[in-house]
């Protein structure tokens, strides 16, 4: 009712969450923030239907980046046996390498809005664990950034992008 989820078929599903016009701090806006963070962290973002692209009105892009980043800063990553950990590892070191490679590609076309990779792991050795913290990327020019529509990182990574009007949002999705 307050947001629209669109699953787009390509080589894989690249799920998008669309926020119709809503002011920062409103119920729909806060719901979007909670849903994005939940989707990025449940199963360490390793779900085919996880949100990969977040479409918001241009007027709330900065507020959405700040609100999502603030929630992501509270996510502790590491050994799930430790009670303070909210997100565990990826399925394997090979998957970790794939996530890092996908991020490297996307970072060439986006800005890093929140980089959980700078936070230390809790009760886990980074040389052994397959952990990576959530990374929120953003682009203010989604029409000129084809990579964000074509590359799906199967991990805790999503890209925020603004739309001009509902027609533009639908075209992006």
Protein backbone atom coordinates (compact mmCIF):
# COMPACT_ATOMS: atom_id res chain seq x y z
CA UNK A 1 0.00 0.00 0.00
CA UNK A 2 2.81 2.42 0.85
CA UNK A 3 5.50 0.93 -1.35
CA UNK A 4 5.63 -1.25 -4.42
CA UNK A 5 7.94 -4.23 -4.91
CA UNK A 6 8.77 -5.12 -8.48
CA UNK A 7 10.58 -8.28 -9.53
CA UNK A 8 12.10 -7.83 -12.95
CA UNK A 9 13.03 -10.87 -15.02
CA UNK A 10 16.36 -10.67 -16.80
CA UNK A 11 19.17 -13.17 -16.52
CA UNK A 12 18.19 -13.19 -12.86
CA UNK A 13 15.66 -11.43 -10.70
CA UNK A 14 16.73 -7.89 -9.83
CA UNK A 15 14.17 -6.82 -7.26
CA UNK A 16 13.30 -3.16 -6.76
CA UNK A 17 11.41 -1.35 -4.02
CA UNK A 18 9.57 1.79 -5.06
CA UNK A 19 8.55 4.48 -2.59
CA UNK A 20 5.66 6.56 -3.92
CA UNK A 21 5.84 10.18 -2.77
CA UNK A 22 6.30 10.28 1.00
CA UNK A 23 7.93 12.76 3.35
CA UNK A 24 10.91 11.80 5.49
CA UNK A 25 9.70 10.60 8.88
CA UNK A 26 6.28 9.60 7.55
CA UNK A 27 4.96 6.08 8.07
CA UNK A 28 5.57 5.04 4.43
CA UNK A 29 9.11 6.47 4.50
CA UNK A 30 9.96 4.72 7.77
CA UNK A 31 8.47 1.48 6.44
CA UNK A 32 10.72 1.71 3.37
CA UNK A 33 13.79 2.21 5.57
CA UNK A 34 12.92 -0.78 7.79
CA UNK A 35 12.14 -3.00 4.80
CA UNK A 36 15.39 -2.16 3.00
CA UNK A 37 17.49 -2.88 6.08
CA UNK A 38 15.61 -6.11 6.76
CA UNK A 39 16.02 -7.29 3.17
CA UNK A 40 19.73 -6.44 3.13
CA UNK A 41 20.43 -8.34 6.35
CA UNK A 42 18.12 -11.39 6.43
CA UNK A 43 20.19 -14.36 5.27
CA UNK A 44 23.02 -11.84 4.74
CA UNK A 45 21.17 -10.54 1.68
CA UNK A 46 21.41 -13.94 -0.04
CA UNK A 47 17.83 -14.25 -1.28
CA UNK A 48 16.75 -14.18 -4.90
CA UNK A 49 13.97 -11.76 -3.97
CA UNK A 50 16.08 -9.41 -1.83
CA UNK A 51 15.80 -5.73 -2.68
CA UNK A 52 18.69 -4.68 -4.91
CA UNK A 53 17.40 -1.32 -6.16
CA UNK A 54 15.58 1.28 -4.06
CA UNK A 55 13.64 3.89 -6.01
CA UNK A 56 12.67 7.06 -4.17
CA UNK A 57 11.41 10.50 -5.25
CA UNK A 58 14.28 12.90 -5.98
CA UNK A 59 13.18 15.13 -3.11
CA UNK A 60 13.81 12.42 -0.48
CA UNK A 61 16.98 10.82 -1.91
CA UNK A 62 19.34 12.40 0.66
CA UNK A 63 17.00 11.73 3.57
CA UNK A 64 16.57 8.10 2.48
CA UNK A 65 20.35 7.64 2.17
CA UNK A 66 20.85 9.04 5.67
CA UNK A 67 18.00 7.06 7.28
CA UNK A 68 18.97 3.73 5.70
CA UNK A 69 22.65 4.31 6.50
CA UNK A 70 21.80 5.14 10.13
CA UNK A 71 19.91 1.86 10.54
CA UNK A 72 22.66 -0.11 8.80
CA UNK A 73 25.26 1.35 11.18
CA UNK A 74 23.51 -0.59 13.96
CA UNK A 75 23.97 -3.96 12.24
CA UNK A 76 26.68 -6.06 13.87
CA UNK A 77 28.26 -8.69 11.63
CA UNK A 78 30.22 -11.78 12.55
CA UNK A 79 29.84 -15.05 14.40
CA UNK A 80 26.08 -15.72 14.80
CA UNK A 81 26.78 -17.65 18.01
CA UNK A 82 27.63 -14.31 19.61
CA UNK A 83 24.40 -12.79 20.95
CA UNK A 84 25.40 -9.29 19.86
CA UNK A 85 25.63 -10.30 16.16
CA UNK A 86 22.66 -9.40 13.95
CA UNK A 87 24.04 -10.74 10.64
CA UNK A 88 26.22 -13.77 10.01
CA UNK A 89 28.35 -14.91 7.12
CA UNK A 90 27.68 -15.55 3.48
CA UNK A 91 27.40 -19.17 2.39
CA UNK A 92 31.10 -19.50 1.47
CA UNK A 93 34.39 -17.71 0.81
CA UNK A 94 33.66 -18.15 -2.91
CA UNK A 95 30.41 -16.21 -2.44
CA UNK A 96 32.32 -13.54 -0.52
CA UNK A 97 34.70 -13.20 -3.47
CA UNK A 98 31.71 -12.89 -5.83
CA UNK A 99 30.12 -10.19 -3.67
CA UNK A 100 33.39 -8.25 -3.55
CA UNK A 101 33.79 -8.55 -7.34
CA UNK A 102 30.22 -7.34 -7.95
CA UNK A 103 30.72 -4.46 -5.54
CA UNK A 104 33.92 -3.47 -7.32
CA UNK A 105 31.99 -3.26 -10.61
CA UNK A 106 29.11 -1.30 -9.13
CA UNK A 107 31.40 1.12 -7.30
CA UNK A 108 32.69 2.32 -10.68
CA UNK A 109 29.22 3.64 -11.48
CA UNK A 110 27.87 4.59 -8.05
CA UNK A 111 28.72 6.38 -4.84
CA UNK A 112 29.11 4.43 -1.58
CA UNK A 113 26.47 5.85 0.79
CA UNK A 114 27.07 3.42 3.66
CA UNK A 115 30.09 1.14 3.87
CA UNK A 116 29.74 -1.50 6.57
CA UNK A 117 32.99 -3.04 5.37
CA UNK A 118 34.83 -0.53 7.55
CA UNK A 119 33.34 -2.04 10.74
CA UNK A 120 35.21 -4.84 12.52
CA UNK A 121 33.65 -8.30 12.60
CA UNK A 122 32.36 -9.53 15.95
CA UNK A 123 33.98 -12.72 17.20
CA UNK A 124 35.10 -13.73 13.67
CA UNK A 125 38.45 -13.78 11.89
CA UNK A 126 38.20 -11.81 8.61
CA UNK A 127 40.88 -14.05 7.08
CA UNK A 128 38.66 -17.10 7.60
CA UNK A 129 35.04 -15.93 7.88
CA UNK A 130 32.88 -15.30 4.82
CA UNK A 131 31.38 -12.16 6.36
CA UNK A 132 30.69 -8.85 4.71
CA UNK A 133 28.64 -6.06 6.24
CA UNK A 134 25.88 -4.27 4.33
CA UNK A 135 26.86 -1.75 1.66
CA UNK A 136 24.41 0.87 0.42
CA UNK A 137 25.30 2.38 -2.94
CA UNK A 138 23.65 5.27 -4.69
CA UNK A 139 23.43 7.00 -8.02
CA UNK A 140 21.70 10.28 -8.73
CA UNK A 141 21.58 9.42 -12.45
CA UNK A 142 19.91 6.00 -12.72
CA UNK A 143 19.18 6.44 -16.44
CA UNK A 144 22.88 6.82 -17.21
CA UNK A 145 24.03 3.99 -14.94
CA UNK A 146 23.10 0.74 -16.68
CA UNK A 147 25.28 -1.35 -14.36
CA UNK A 148 22.91 -0.86 -11.42
CA UNK A 149 20.10 -2.38 -13.46
CA UNK A 150 22.18 -5.20 -14.92
CA UNK A 151 24.41 -6.40 -12.06
CA UNK A 152 22.90 -8.16 -9.08
CA UNK A 153 25.22 -8.72 -6.15
CA UNK A 154 23.94 -11.76 -4.24
CA UNK A 155 24.70 -10.41 -0.78
CA UNK A 156 23.97 -7.43 1.49
CA UNK A 157 24.20 -4.79 -1.24
CA UNK A 158 21.54 -2.42 -2.57
CA UNK A 159 21.54 0.74 -4.68
CA UNK A 160 19.46 3.84 -3.96
CA UNK A 161 18.29 5.89 -6.93
CA UNK A 162 15.92 8.82 -7.41
CA UNK A 163 13.06 9.11 -9.85
CA UNK A 164 11.42 12.23 -11.29
CA UNK A 165 7.81 11.02 -11.46
CA UNK A 166 5.85 7.76 -11.34
CA UNK A 167 6.33 7.14 -15.07
CA UNK A 168 10.10 7.46 -14.64
CA UNK A 169 10.01 5.13 -11.60
CA UNK A 170 8.13 2.48 -13.55
CA UNK A 171 10.58 2.75 -16.45
CA UNK A 172 13.52 2.29 -14.03
CA UNK A 173 11.88 -0.71 -12.36
